[in-house]
N, C-alpha and C. Protein backbone atom coordinates (compact mmCIF):
# COMPACT_ATOMS: atom_id res chain seq x y z
N UNK A 1 0.84 -1.19 0.00
CA UNK A 1 0.00 0.00 0.00
C UNK A 1 0.87 1.23 0.00
N UNK A 2 0.53 2.22 -0.82
CA UNK A 2 1.29 3.45 -0.90
C UNK A 2 1.01 4.33 0.30
N UNK A 3 1.81 5.44 0.44
CA UNK A 3 1.59 6.34 1.56
C UNK A 3 0.20 6.98 1.49
N UNK A 4 -0.24 7.34 0.27
CA UNK A 4 -1.58 7.91 0.12
C UNK A 4 -2.64 6.89 0.48
N UNK A 5 -2.40 5.63 0.09
CA UNK A 5 -3.33 4.56 0.44
C UNK A 5 -3.42 4.37 1.94
N UNK A 6 -2.28 4.51 2.64
CA UNK A 6 -2.26 4.37 4.09
C UNK A 6 -3.10 5.45 4.75
N UNK A 7 -3.03 6.68 4.22
CA UNK A 7 -3.81 7.79 4.77
C UNK A 7 -5.30 7.51 4.61
N UNK A 8 -5.71 7.05 3.42
CA UNK A 8 -7.11 6.74 3.17
C UNK A 8 -7.57 5.61 4.10
N UNK A 9 -6.74 4.57 4.24
CA UNK A 9 -7.07 3.44 5.10
C UNK A 9 -7.27 3.91 6.53
N UNK A 10 -6.35 4.77 7.02
CA UNK A 10 -6.44 5.27 8.39
C UNK A 10 -7.72 6.07 8.59
N UNK A 11 -8.05 6.94 7.63
CA UNK A 11 -9.26 7.75 7.74
C UNK A 11 -10.50 6.87 7.78
N UNK A 12 -10.58 5.89 6.87
CA UNK A 12 -11.73 4.99 6.82
C UNK A 12 -11.86 4.20 8.13
N UNK A 13 -10.72 3.78 8.68
CA UNK A 13 -10.74 3.01 9.93
C UNK A 13 -11.28 3.84 11.07
N UNK A 14 -10.89 5.13 11.12
CA UNK A 14 -11.36 6.00 12.19
C UNK A 14 -12.85 6.27 12.05
N UNK A 15 -13.33 6.49 10.82
CA UNK A 15 -14.75 6.71 10.59
C UNK A 15 -15.55 5.47 10.97
N UNK A 16 -15.03 4.29 10.58
CA UNK A 16 -15.70 3.03 10.91
C UNK A 16 -15.80 2.86 12.42
N UNK A 17 -14.77 3.23 13.13
CA UNK A 17 -14.77 3.09 14.59
C UNK A 17 -15.84 3.97 15.23
N UNK A 18 -16.06 5.15 14.65
CA UNK A 18 -17.07 6.06 15.20
C UNK A 18 -18.49 5.56 14.91
N UNK A 19 -18.67 4.94 13.74
CA UNK A 19 -19.99 4.51 13.33
C UNK A 19 -20.38 3.15 13.88
N UNK A 20 -19.39 2.28 14.05
CA UNK A 20 -19.67 0.91 14.50
C UNK A 20 -18.97 0.67 15.84
N UNK A 21 -19.73 0.63 16.93
CA UNK A 21 -19.12 0.50 18.26
C UNK A 21 -18.70 -0.93 18.58
N UNK A 22 -17.62 -1.37 17.95
CA UNK A 22 -17.10 -2.71 18.20
C UNK A 22 -15.65 -2.60 18.69
N UNK A 23 -15.19 -3.65 19.29
CA UNK A 23 -13.80 -3.70 19.74
C UNK A 23 -12.90 -4.02 18.55
N UNK A 24 -12.05 -3.08 18.20
CA UNK A 24 -11.15 -3.28 17.07
C UNK A 24 -9.85 -3.88 17.57
N UNK A 25 -9.48 -5.04 17.02
CA UNK A 25 -8.31 -5.78 17.48
C UNK A 25 -7.28 -5.90 16.37
N UNK A 26 -6.03 -5.62 16.70
CA UNK A 26 -4.93 -5.77 15.75
C UNK A 26 -4.15 -7.03 16.09
N UNK A 27 -4.04 -7.92 15.11
CA UNK A 27 -3.24 -9.15 15.28
C UNK A 27 -1.86 -8.87 14.72
N UNK A 28 -0.89 -8.76 15.61
CA UNK A 28 0.47 -8.37 15.20
C UNK A 28 1.45 -9.50 15.51
N UNK A 29 1.16 -10.69 14.99
CA UNK A 29 2.01 -11.83 15.32
C UNK A 29 3.37 -11.78 14.64
N UNK A 30 3.41 -11.25 13.40
CA UNK A 30 4.67 -11.13 12.67
C UNK A 30 5.28 -9.74 12.76
N UNK A 31 4.43 -8.74 12.76
CA UNK A 31 4.91 -7.38 12.51
C UNK A 31 5.87 -6.80 13.53
N UNK A 32 5.91 -7.21 14.82
CA UNK A 32 6.94 -6.64 15.68
C UNK A 32 8.36 -6.93 15.19
N UNK A 33 8.53 -8.04 14.49
CA UNK A 33 9.87 -8.36 13.97
C UNK A 33 10.05 -7.89 12.54
N UNK A 34 8.94 -7.48 11.91
CA UNK A 34 9.01 -7.22 10.48
C UNK A 34 8.91 -5.75 10.10
N UNK A 35 8.61 -4.89 11.04
CA UNK A 35 8.49 -3.48 10.69
C UNK A 35 9.31 -2.63 11.64
N UNK A 36 8.79 -2.42 12.84
CA UNK A 36 9.41 -1.63 13.89
C UNK A 36 8.66 -1.94 15.17
N UNK A 37 9.14 -1.50 16.33
CA UNK A 37 8.47 -1.87 17.59
C UNK A 37 7.00 -1.49 17.65
N UNK A 38 6.61 -0.42 16.96
CA UNK A 38 5.21 0.03 17.00
C UNK A 38 4.32 -0.72 16.02
N UNK A 39 4.89 -1.65 15.27
CA UNK A 39 4.13 -2.58 14.43
C UNK A 39 3.42 -1.89 13.26
N UNK A 40 2.59 -2.66 12.58
CA UNK A 40 1.91 -2.15 11.40
C UNK A 40 0.83 -1.13 11.73
N UNK A 41 0.32 -1.17 12.95
CA UNK A 41 -0.71 -0.19 13.31
C UNK A 41 -0.16 1.23 13.24
N UNK A 42 1.14 1.40 13.52
CA UNK A 42 1.75 2.71 13.38
C UNK A 42 1.98 3.06 11.91
N UNK A 43 2.31 2.03 11.10
CA UNK A 43 2.50 2.25 9.67
C UNK A 43 1.22 2.79 9.03
N UNK A 44 0.07 2.29 9.49
CA UNK A 44 -1.21 2.68 8.90
C UNK A 44 -1.92 3.78 9.68
N UNK A 45 -1.33 4.21 10.80
CA UNK A 45 -1.95 5.28 11.58
C UNK A 45 -3.24 4.89 12.24
N UNK A 46 -3.33 3.63 12.69
CA UNK A 46 -4.54 3.12 13.32
C UNK A 46 -4.26 2.81 14.79
N UNK A 47 -5.19 3.19 15.66
CA UNK A 47 -5.07 2.88 17.09
C UNK A 47 -6.14 1.86 17.46
N UNK A 48 -5.77 0.60 17.60
CA UNK A 48 -6.77 -0.43 17.93
C UNK A 48 -7.13 -0.38 19.41
N UNK A 49 -8.24 -1.03 19.74
CA UNK A 49 -8.63 -1.15 21.14
C UNK A 49 -7.78 -2.21 21.84
N UNK A 50 -7.48 -3.27 21.12
CA UNK A 50 -6.65 -4.35 21.65
C UNK A 50 -5.57 -4.72 20.63
N UNK A 51 -4.41 -5.11 21.11
CA UNK A 51 -3.35 -5.65 20.26
C UNK A 51 -2.94 -7.01 20.81
N UNK A 52 -2.96 -8.02 19.95
CA UNK A 52 -2.51 -9.35 20.36
C UNK A 52 -1.25 -9.69 19.58
N UNK A 53 -0.29 -10.27 20.27
CA UNK A 53 1.00 -10.61 19.66
C UNK A 53 1.40 -12.02 20.03
N UNK A 54 2.21 -12.62 19.16
CA UNK A 54 2.74 -13.95 19.44
C UNK A 54 4.02 -14.15 18.66
N UNK A 55 4.50 -15.38 18.63
CA UNK A 55 5.67 -15.75 17.83
C UNK A 55 6.91 -14.99 18.28
N UNK A 56 7.18 -13.83 17.66
CA UNK A 56 8.43 -13.15 17.93
C UNK A 56 8.56 -12.70 19.38
N UNK A 57 7.46 -12.39 20.05
CA UNK A 57 7.56 -11.89 21.42
C UNK A 57 8.08 -12.95 22.38
N UNK A 58 8.06 -14.22 21.95
CA UNK A 58 8.61 -15.29 22.78
C UNK A 58 10.01 -15.69 22.39
N UNK A 59 10.59 -15.02 21.42
CA UNK A 59 11.96 -15.36 21.02
C UNK A 59 12.12 -16.80 20.58
N UNK A 60 11.08 -17.36 19.96
CA UNK A 60 11.14 -18.76 19.53
C UNK A 60 10.49 -19.71 20.51
N UNK A 61 10.15 -19.22 21.70
CA UNK A 61 9.45 -20.04 22.69
C UNK A 61 7.95 -19.71 22.64
N UNK A 62 7.09 -20.63 23.12
CA UNK A 62 5.64 -20.37 23.07
C UNK A 62 5.24 -19.25 24.04
N UNK A 63 4.76 -18.17 23.49
CA UNK A 63 4.34 -17.04 24.31
C UNK A 63 3.41 -16.14 23.51
N UNK A 64 2.43 -15.59 24.15
CA UNK A 64 1.54 -14.62 23.53
C UNK A 64 1.40 -13.43 24.47
N UNK A 65 0.93 -12.32 23.93
CA UNK A 65 0.74 -11.13 24.75
C UNK A 65 -0.47 -10.37 24.24
N UNK A 66 -1.15 -9.70 25.14
CA UNK A 66 -2.28 -8.86 24.77
C UNK A 66 -2.18 -7.54 25.53
N UNK A 67 -2.47 -6.45 24.83
CA UNK A 67 -2.46 -5.14 25.46
C UNK A 67 -3.54 -4.29 24.83
N UNK A 68 -3.89 -3.21 25.48
CA UNK A 68 -4.94 -2.37 24.92
C UNK A 68 -5.15 -1.10 25.69
N UNK A 69 -6.22 -0.43 25.35
CA UNK A 69 -6.54 0.84 26.00
C UNK A 69 -6.91 0.59 27.47
N UNK A 70 -6.84 1.65 28.25
CA UNK A 70 -7.19 1.54 29.66
C UNK A 70 -8.62 1.04 29.83
N UNK A 71 -9.51 1.50 28.95
CA UNK A 71 -10.91 1.09 29.03
C UNK A 71 -11.05 -0.41 28.83
N UNK A 72 -10.35 -0.94 27.82
CA UNK A 72 -10.46 -2.36 27.53
C UNK A 72 -9.79 -3.21 28.61
N UNK A 73 -8.62 -2.80 29.05
CA UNK A 73 -7.88 -3.60 30.02
C UNK A 73 -8.47 -3.52 31.42
N UNK A 74 -9.35 -2.53 31.65
CA UNK A 74 -9.95 -2.38 32.98
C UNK A 74 -10.82 -3.57 33.36
N UNK A 75 -11.33 -4.30 32.36
CA UNK A 75 -12.17 -5.47 32.67
C UNK A 75 -11.34 -6.57 33.33
N UNK A 76 -10.02 -6.55 33.10
CA UNK A 76 -9.15 -7.52 33.77
C UNK A 76 -8.86 -7.06 35.20
N UNK A 77 -8.56 -5.76 35.33
CA UNK A 77 -8.25 -5.22 36.67
C UNK A 77 -9.44 -5.36 37.61
N UNK A 78 -10.65 -5.20 37.06
CA UNK A 78 -11.86 -5.26 37.90
C UNK A 78 -12.28 -6.68 38.21
N UNK A 79 -11.75 -7.65 37.47
CA UNK A 79 -12.14 -9.03 37.67
C UNK A 79 -13.37 -9.42 36.87
N UNK A 80 -13.87 -8.48 36.06
CA UNK A 80 -15.04 -8.79 35.24
C UNK A 80 -14.73 -9.90 34.24
N UNK A 81 -13.49 -9.91 33.72
CA UNK A 81 -13.03 -10.94 32.79
C UNK A 81 -11.73 -11.50 33.34
N UNK A 82 -11.58 -12.80 33.26
CA UNK A 82 -10.33 -13.44 33.72
C UNK A 82 -9.65 -14.14 32.57
N UNK A 83 -8.34 -14.25 32.65
CA UNK A 83 -7.54 -14.97 31.66
C UNK A 83 -6.75 -16.04 32.39
N UNK A 84 -6.83 -17.25 31.89
CA UNK A 84 -6.04 -18.33 32.49
C UNK A 84 -5.40 -19.14 31.37
N UNK A 85 -4.27 -19.75 31.67
CA UNK A 85 -3.59 -20.55 30.66
C UNK A 85 -2.47 -21.36 31.27
N UNK A 86 -2.16 -22.47 30.64
CA UNK A 86 -1.15 -23.38 31.18
C UNK A 86 0.23 -22.75 31.27
N UNK A 87 0.61 -21.98 30.25
CA UNK A 87 1.97 -21.47 30.18
C UNK A 87 2.06 -19.96 30.38
N UNK A 88 1.07 -19.36 30.97
CA UNK A 88 1.09 -17.91 31.13
C UNK A 88 2.28 -17.46 31.98
N UNK A 89 3.02 -16.49 31.45
CA UNK A 89 4.14 -15.92 32.21
C UNK A 89 5.28 -16.90 32.45
N UNK A 90 5.43 -17.89 31.58
CA UNK A 90 6.50 -18.88 31.76
C UNK A 90 7.85 -18.16 31.73
N UNK A 91 8.68 -18.41 32.72
CA UNK A 91 9.89 -17.61 32.91
C UNK A 91 10.86 -17.74 31.74
N UNK A 92 11.01 -18.94 31.18
CA UNK A 92 11.94 -19.12 30.07
C UNK A 92 11.45 -18.35 28.84
N UNK A 93 10.16 -18.47 28.55
CA UNK A 93 9.61 -17.76 27.39
C UNK A 93 9.74 -16.25 27.56
N UNK A 94 9.43 -15.77 28.74
CA UNK A 94 9.51 -14.33 29.00
C UNK A 94 10.95 -13.84 28.87
N UNK A 95 11.91 -14.60 29.43
CA UNK A 95 13.32 -14.22 29.34
C UNK A 95 13.79 -14.21 27.89
N UNK A 96 13.38 -15.23 27.12
CA UNK A 96 13.75 -15.29 25.71
C UNK A 96 13.14 -14.12 24.94
N UNK A 97 11.90 -13.80 25.25
CA UNK A 97 11.25 -12.68 24.58
C UNK A 97 11.92 -11.36 24.87
N UNK A 98 12.29 -11.13 26.12
CA UNK A 98 12.98 -9.89 26.49
C UNK A 98 14.32 -9.80 25.76
N UNK A 99 15.05 -10.90 25.72
CA UNK A 99 16.36 -10.90 25.05
C UNK A 99 16.21 -10.61 23.56
N UNK A 100 15.17 -11.17 22.95
CA UNK A 100 14.94 -10.93 21.53
C UNK A 100 14.61 -9.48 21.26
N UNK A 101 13.68 -8.93 22.04
CA UNK A 101 13.25 -7.55 21.82
C UNK A 101 14.38 -6.55 22.08
N UNK A 102 15.30 -6.92 22.95
CA UNK A 102 16.45 -6.05 23.19
C UNK A 102 17.38 -5.97 21.98
N UNK A 103 17.36 -7.00 21.15
CA UNK A 103 18.18 -7.00 19.94
C UNK A 103 17.53 -6.22 18.79
N UNK A 104 16.23 -6.05 18.87
CA UNK A 104 15.50 -5.43 17.77
C UNK A 104 15.45 -3.91 17.94
N UNK A 105 16.62 -3.28 17.79
CA UNK A 105 16.67 -1.82 17.85
C UNK A 105 16.47 -1.25 16.45
N UNK A 106 16.57 0.07 16.33
CA UNK A 106 16.32 0.72 15.03
C UNK A 106 17.25 0.21 13.95
N UNK A 107 18.52 -0.01 14.30
CA UNK A 107 19.48 -0.51 13.31
C UNK A 107 19.11 -1.91 12.83
N UNK A 108 18.60 -2.74 13.75
CA UNK A 108 18.19 -4.10 13.38
C UNK A 108 17.02 -4.07 12.40
N UNK A 109 16.04 -3.21 12.67
CA UNK A 109 14.90 -3.10 11.77
C UNK A 109 15.33 -2.57 10.40
N UNK A 110 16.23 -1.59 10.40
CA UNK A 110 16.71 -1.05 9.13
C UNK A 110 17.40 -2.14 8.31
N UNK A 111 18.20 -2.96 8.98
CA UNK A 111 18.91 -4.02 8.27
C UNK A 111 17.95 -5.08 7.72
N UNK A 112 17.00 -5.50 8.54
CA UNK A 112 16.02 -6.48 8.09
C UNK A 112 15.23 -5.96 6.89
N UNK A 113 14.77 -4.73 7.00
CA UNK A 113 13.96 -4.17 5.92
C UNK A 113 14.78 -3.92 4.66
N UNK A 114 16.07 -3.60 4.84
CA UNK A 114 16.95 -3.43 3.69
C UNK A 114 17.14 -4.75 2.95
N UNK A 115 17.34 -5.83 3.69
CA UNK A 115 17.48 -7.15 3.07
C UNK A 115 16.20 -7.53 2.33
N UNK A 116 15.06 -7.27 2.95
CA UNK A 116 13.78 -7.59 2.30
C UNK A 116 13.60 -6.78 1.02
N UNK A 117 13.97 -5.51 1.08
CA UNK A 117 13.86 -4.67 -0.11
C UNK A 117 14.73 -5.18 -1.24
N UNK A 118 15.92 -5.67 -0.89
CA UNK A 118 16.81 -6.21 -1.92
C UNK A 118 16.21 -7.47 -2.55
N UNK A 119 15.67 -8.36 -1.74
CA UNK A 119 15.05 -9.58 -2.26
C UNK A 119 13.90 -9.23 -3.21
N UNK A 120 13.02 -8.33 -2.77
CA UNK A 120 11.88 -7.96 -3.60
C UNK A 120 12.33 -7.31 -4.91
N UNK A 121 13.23 -6.36 -4.82
CA UNK A 121 13.64 -5.62 -6.01
C UNK A 121 14.33 -6.52 -7.03
N UNK A 122 15.33 -7.28 -6.57
CA UNK A 122 16.12 -8.07 -7.51
C UNK A 122 15.30 -9.18 -8.15
N UNK A 123 14.50 -9.89 -7.35
CA UNK A 123 13.74 -11.00 -7.92
C UNK A 123 12.58 -10.50 -8.80
N UNK A 124 11.91 -9.45 -8.38
CA UNK A 124 10.80 -8.95 -9.19
C UNK A 124 11.26 -8.32 -10.50
N UNK A 125 12.38 -7.61 -10.46
CA UNK A 125 12.92 -7.04 -11.69
C UNK A 125 13.34 -8.14 -12.65
N UNK A 126 13.98 -9.16 -12.12
CA UNK A 126 14.42 -10.31 -12.94
C UNK A 126 13.21 -11.03 -13.51
N UNK A 127 12.21 -11.27 -12.68
CA UNK A 127 11.01 -11.98 -13.11
C UNK A 127 10.26 -11.19 -14.19
N UNK A 128 10.16 -9.88 -14.00
CA UNK A 128 9.46 -9.04 -14.97
C UNK A 128 10.17 -9.07 -16.32
N UNK A 129 11.50 -9.03 -16.29
CA UNK A 129 12.28 -9.00 -17.53
C UNK A 129 12.12 -10.29 -18.33
N UNK A 130 11.91 -11.41 -17.66
CA UNK A 130 11.78 -12.69 -18.37
C UNK A 130 10.32 -13.06 -18.64
N UNK A 131 9.39 -12.19 -18.23
CA UNK A 131 7.99 -12.48 -18.47
C UNK A 131 7.45 -13.59 -17.61
N UNK A 132 8.02 -13.75 -16.42
CA UNK A 132 7.61 -14.83 -15.53
C UNK A 132 6.38 -14.43 -14.72
N UNK A 133 5.61 -15.41 -14.32
CA UNK A 133 4.45 -15.19 -13.46
C UNK A 133 4.80 -15.29 -11.99
N UNK A 134 6.09 -15.44 -11.69
CA UNK A 134 6.55 -15.53 -10.30
C UNK A 134 6.80 -14.13 -9.75
N UNK A 135 6.40 -13.90 -8.50
CA UNK A 135 6.62 -12.60 -7.87
C UNK A 135 6.83 -12.76 -6.37
N UNK A 136 7.52 -11.77 -5.80
CA UNK A 136 7.65 -11.63 -4.35
C UNK A 136 6.72 -10.50 -3.93
N UNK A 137 5.96 -10.72 -2.86
CA UNK A 137 5.00 -9.74 -2.41
C UNK A 137 5.29 -9.31 -0.97
N UNK A 138 4.96 -8.07 -0.66
CA UNK A 138 5.12 -7.56 0.69
C UNK A 138 5.27 -6.05 0.68
N UNK A 139 5.60 -5.50 1.84
CA UNK A 139 5.79 -4.06 1.96
C UNK A 139 7.27 -3.73 2.11
N UNK A 140 8.14 -4.64 1.71
CA UNK A 140 9.56 -4.39 1.89
C UNK A 140 10.01 -4.59 3.32
N UNK A 141 9.22 -5.38 4.09
CA UNK A 141 9.58 -5.72 5.45
C UNK A 141 10.02 -7.18 5.48
N UNK A 142 10.49 -7.64 6.62
CA UNK A 142 11.24 -8.90 6.65
C UNK A 142 10.38 -10.15 6.52
N UNK A 143 9.07 -10.03 6.51
CA UNK A 143 8.21 -11.19 6.24
C UNK A 143 7.58 -10.99 4.86
N UNK A 144 7.91 -11.89 3.95
CA UNK A 144 7.51 -11.73 2.55
C UNK A 144 6.73 -12.96 2.07
N UNK A 145 5.93 -12.74 1.05
CA UNK A 145 5.22 -13.84 0.39
C UNK A 145 5.73 -13.96 -1.04
N UNK A 146 5.56 -15.13 -1.62
CA UNK A 146 5.96 -15.34 -3.01
C UNK A 146 4.99 -16.31 -3.64
N UNK A 147 5.02 -16.38 -4.95
CA UNK A 147 4.17 -17.35 -5.61
C UNK A 147 4.16 -17.19 -7.11
N UNK A 148 3.71 -18.24 -7.77
CA UNK A 148 3.42 -18.20 -9.20
C UNK A 148 1.95 -17.82 -9.35
N UNK A 149 1.69 -16.74 -10.03
CA UNK A 149 0.32 -16.33 -10.28
C UNK A 149 -0.21 -16.98 -11.57
N UNK A 150 -1.49 -16.83 -11.80
CA UNK A 150 -2.10 -17.41 -13.00
C UNK A 150 -1.83 -16.61 -14.26
N UNK A 151 -1.29 -15.39 -14.08
CA UNK A 151 -0.92 -14.60 -15.24
C UNK A 151 0.23 -13.67 -14.89
N UNK A 152 0.99 -13.31 -15.90
CA UNK A 152 2.16 -12.46 -15.73
C UNK A 152 1.77 -11.02 -15.41
N UNK A 153 2.50 -10.39 -14.49
CA UNK A 153 2.31 -8.97 -14.21
C UNK A 153 1.08 -8.63 -13.41
N UNK A 154 0.48 -9.60 -12.77
CA UNK A 154 -0.74 -9.37 -12.00
C UNK A 154 -0.44 -8.52 -10.76
N UNK A 155 -1.25 -7.50 -10.51
CA UNK A 155 -1.09 -6.65 -9.33
C UNK A 155 -1.80 -7.29 -8.14
N UNK A 156 -1.04 -7.59 -7.09
CA UNK A 156 -1.61 -8.19 -5.89
C UNK A 156 -1.67 -7.12 -4.80
N UNK A 157 -2.89 -6.80 -4.36
CA UNK A 157 -3.06 -5.75 -3.35
C UNK A 157 -3.60 -6.28 -2.03
N UNK A 158 -4.25 -7.42 -2.05
CA UNK A 158 -4.85 -7.98 -0.84
C UNK A 158 -4.59 -9.48 -0.79
N UNK A 159 -4.85 -10.06 0.38
CA UNK A 159 -4.75 -11.52 0.51
C UNK A 159 -5.74 -12.20 -0.43
N UNK A 160 -6.90 -11.59 -0.59
CA UNK A 160 -7.91 -12.17 -1.49
C UNK A 160 -7.38 -12.25 -2.92
N UNK A 161 -6.70 -11.18 -3.36
CA UNK A 161 -6.10 -11.20 -4.69
C UNK A 161 -5.09 -12.35 -4.81
N UNK A 162 -4.29 -12.51 -3.76
CA UNK A 162 -3.23 -13.53 -3.76
C UNK A 162 -3.83 -14.92 -3.90
N UNK A 163 -4.79 -15.25 -3.03
CA UNK A 163 -5.30 -16.62 -3.02
C UNK A 163 -6.18 -16.92 -4.22
N UNK A 164 -6.85 -15.92 -4.79
CA UNK A 164 -7.68 -16.16 -5.96
C UNK A 164 -6.86 -16.42 -7.21
N UNK A 165 -5.64 -15.89 -7.24
CA UNK A 165 -4.84 -15.96 -8.46
C UNK A 165 -3.60 -16.83 -8.34
N UNK A 166 -3.41 -17.47 -7.20
CA UNK A 166 -2.21 -18.27 -6.97
C UNK A 166 -2.25 -19.58 -7.73
N UNK A 167 -1.14 -19.90 -8.39
CA UNK A 167 -0.93 -21.23 -8.97
C UNK A 167 -0.34 -22.08 -7.86
N UNK A 168 -1.22 -22.77 -7.14
CA UNK A 168 -0.82 -23.46 -5.91
C UNK A 168 0.20 -24.57 -6.17
N UNK A 169 0.02 -25.33 -7.24
CA UNK A 169 0.92 -26.45 -7.52
C UNK A 169 2.35 -25.98 -7.76
N UNK A 170 2.51 -24.97 -8.59
CA UNK A 170 3.86 -24.49 -8.89
C UNK A 170 4.49 -23.78 -7.70
N UNK A 171 3.66 -23.11 -6.91
CA UNK A 171 4.18 -22.43 -5.72
C UNK A 171 4.68 -23.44 -4.70
N UNK A 172 3.91 -24.52 -4.49
CA UNK A 172 4.36 -25.55 -3.54
C UNK A 172 5.60 -26.27 -4.06
N UNK A 173 5.69 -26.47 -5.36
CA UNK A 173 6.88 -27.07 -5.95
C UNK A 173 8.11 -26.19 -5.66
N UNK A 174 7.93 -24.88 -5.80
CA UNK A 174 9.00 -23.94 -5.50
C UNK A 174 9.40 -24.04 -4.03
N UNK A 175 8.42 -24.13 -3.14
CA UNK A 175 8.70 -24.23 -1.71
C UNK A 175 9.50 -25.48 -1.38
N UNK A 176 9.09 -26.60 -1.97
CA UNK A 176 9.80 -27.86 -1.72
C UNK A 176 11.24 -27.80 -2.23
N UNK A 177 11.42 -27.19 -3.39
CA UNK A 177 12.77 -27.07 -3.94
C UNK A 177 13.64 -26.13 -3.10
N UNK A 178 13.06 -25.06 -2.59
CA UNK A 178 13.81 -24.19 -1.68
C UNK A 178 14.28 -24.98 -0.46
N UNK A 179 13.40 -25.80 0.09
CA UNK A 179 13.77 -26.61 1.26
C UNK A 179 14.86 -27.61 0.90
N UNK A 180 14.74 -28.23 -0.27
CA UNK A 180 15.75 -29.19 -0.71
C UNK A 180 17.13 -28.54 -0.88
N UNK A 181 17.13 -27.24 -1.17
CA UNK A 181 18.38 -26.54 -1.44
C UNK A 181 18.84 -25.66 -0.27
N UNK A 182 18.26 -25.90 0.92
CA UNK A 182 18.80 -25.28 2.12
C UNK A 182 18.05 -24.08 2.67
N UNK A 183 16.92 -23.71 2.05
CA UNK A 183 16.11 -22.61 2.56
C UNK A 183 14.75 -23.18 2.96
N UNK A 184 14.19 -22.69 4.07
CA UNK A 184 13.00 -23.36 4.63
C UNK A 184 11.83 -22.39 4.78
N UNK A 185 11.06 -22.22 3.69
CA UNK A 185 9.89 -21.34 3.73
C UNK A 185 8.67 -22.09 4.24
N UNK A 186 7.56 -21.37 4.39
CA UNK A 186 6.27 -22.01 4.63
C UNK A 186 5.77 -22.52 3.27
N UNK A 187 5.26 -23.72 3.23
CA UNK A 187 4.91 -24.36 1.96
C UNK A 187 3.93 -23.54 1.13
N UNK A 188 3.06 -22.78 1.80
CA UNK A 188 2.05 -22.02 1.06
C UNK A 188 2.64 -20.83 0.31
N UNK A 189 3.89 -20.44 0.66
CA UNK A 189 4.54 -19.38 -0.08
C UNK A 189 4.87 -18.14 0.72
N UNK A 190 5.47 -18.28 1.88
CA UNK A 190 5.97 -17.10 2.59
C UNK A 190 7.18 -17.47 3.44
N UNK A 191 7.98 -16.48 3.78
CA UNK A 191 9.21 -16.71 4.53
C UNK A 191 9.60 -15.44 5.28
N UNK A 192 10.46 -15.63 6.28
CA UNK A 192 10.94 -14.50 7.06
C UNK A 192 12.46 -14.44 6.99
N UNK A 193 12.97 -13.23 7.03
CA UNK A 193 14.41 -13.01 7.11
C UNK A 193 14.78 -12.80 8.58
N UNK A 194 16.06 -12.98 8.91
CA UNK A 194 16.49 -12.84 10.30
C UNK A 194 17.85 -12.17 10.38
N UNK A 195 18.15 -11.64 11.54
CA UNK A 195 19.39 -10.88 11.72
C UNK A 195 20.66 -11.70 11.49
N UNK A 196 20.71 -12.99 11.81
CA UNK A 196 21.95 -13.74 11.54
C UNK A 196 22.26 -13.90 10.06
N UNK A 197 21.29 -13.65 9.19
CA UNK A 197 21.53 -13.80 7.75
C UNK A 197 22.52 -12.73 7.28
N UNK A 198 23.44 -13.16 6.41
CA UNK A 198 24.46 -12.27 5.87
C UNK A 198 24.08 -11.83 4.45
N UNK A 199 24.84 -10.90 3.91
CA UNK A 199 24.63 -10.49 2.52
C UNK A 199 24.81 -11.68 1.58
N UNK A 200 25.75 -12.56 1.91
CA UNK A 200 25.96 -13.76 1.09
C UNK A 200 24.74 -14.68 1.15
N UNK A 201 24.10 -14.77 2.32
CA UNK A 201 22.89 -15.58 2.44
C UNK A 201 21.78 -15.03 1.55
N UNK A 202 21.63 -13.71 1.55
CA UNK A 202 20.59 -13.09 0.73
C UNK A 202 20.88 -13.32 -0.75
N UNK A 203 22.14 -13.14 -1.14
CA UNK A 203 22.53 -13.36 -2.54
C UNK A 203 22.26 -14.81 -2.94
N UNK A 204 22.57 -15.75 -2.04
CA UNK A 204 22.35 -17.16 -2.33
C UNK A 204 20.87 -17.47 -2.46
N UNK A 205 20.05 -16.88 -1.60
CA UNK A 205 18.60 -17.09 -1.70
C UNK A 205 18.07 -16.58 -3.02
N UNK A 206 18.52 -15.41 -3.43
CA UNK A 206 18.06 -14.82 -4.69
C UNK A 206 18.44 -15.70 -5.88
N UNK A 207 19.70 -16.12 -5.92
CA UNK A 207 20.16 -16.94 -7.05
C UNK A 207 19.50 -18.31 -7.05
N UNK A 208 19.32 -18.89 -5.86
CA UNK A 208 18.66 -20.19 -5.77
C UNK A 208 17.21 -20.10 -6.24
N UNK A 209 16.54 -19.04 -5.86
CA UNK A 209 15.15 -18.85 -6.29
C UNK A 209 15.07 -18.71 -7.81
N UNK A 210 15.99 -17.99 -8.39
CA UNK A 210 16.02 -17.85 -9.85
C UNK A 210 16.18 -19.22 -10.52
N UNK A 211 17.09 -20.03 -10.00
CA UNK A 211 17.31 -21.37 -10.57
C UNK A 211 16.03 -22.20 -10.51
N UNK A 212 15.34 -22.13 -9.38
CA UNK A 212 14.12 -22.92 -9.21
C UNK A 212 13.03 -22.43 -10.15
N UNK A 213 12.88 -21.13 -10.26
CA UNK A 213 11.85 -20.59 -11.16
C UNK A 213 12.11 -21.04 -12.60
N UNK A 214 13.38 -21.00 -13.01
CA UNK A 214 13.73 -21.48 -14.37
C UNK A 214 13.33 -22.94 -14.53
N UNK A 215 13.65 -23.75 -13.51
CA UNK A 215 13.34 -25.19 -13.57
C UNK A 215 11.83 -25.43 -13.61
N UNK A 216 11.10 -24.69 -12.78
CA UNK A 216 9.64 -24.90 -12.72
C UNK A 216 8.96 -24.46 -14.01
N UNK A 217 9.42 -23.35 -14.56
CA UNK A 217 8.79 -22.85 -15.77
C UNK A 217 9.27 -23.55 -17.03
N UNK A 218 10.40 -24.24 -16.93
CA UNK A 218 10.88 -25.04 -18.04
C UNK A 218 11.52 -24.26 -19.15
């Protein structure tokens, strides 16, 4: 989404909140590691009533977190609503999460997003030049999607666009080949970058993906 699109989205979200009195919840399971500490809600200028997070906040250990406005969280303080769980506040998960978040400073986010931008730019430019239906999708942040679409040059703006136009067989073939060659994406067509990755790792991923696309397309 462009900057102008973000402004329109933010305005529509605020109007919707005034007209429809519902609890607006932001699911930020990936975005704390993929954008900046303030997540995608800051990117879009939206203030949700509740924010739920998982995955990265546990540093690889099972952990979730929920936060929100004083009005929403007051139901917990008052005892009106209770939360219980087997692993709530597990010391190892909390310690791992704190250690992870301490590493994710501004420089770390800049590096992750720079690597993602390189992957998107180089592979999409290469794919466009050869008339391929393969593309990398995302906002230039460290969690990206990829896939073979049903037609070349298709503009993907939403998840609905992605799933309606995805060539699932060729995308899964690409995922399996990436795994066979040392990279481990999600089979449906997405992957995350991480701070231990080097420039050589990124270059290798790009070249390996090109080889696979050539093989798949024949």
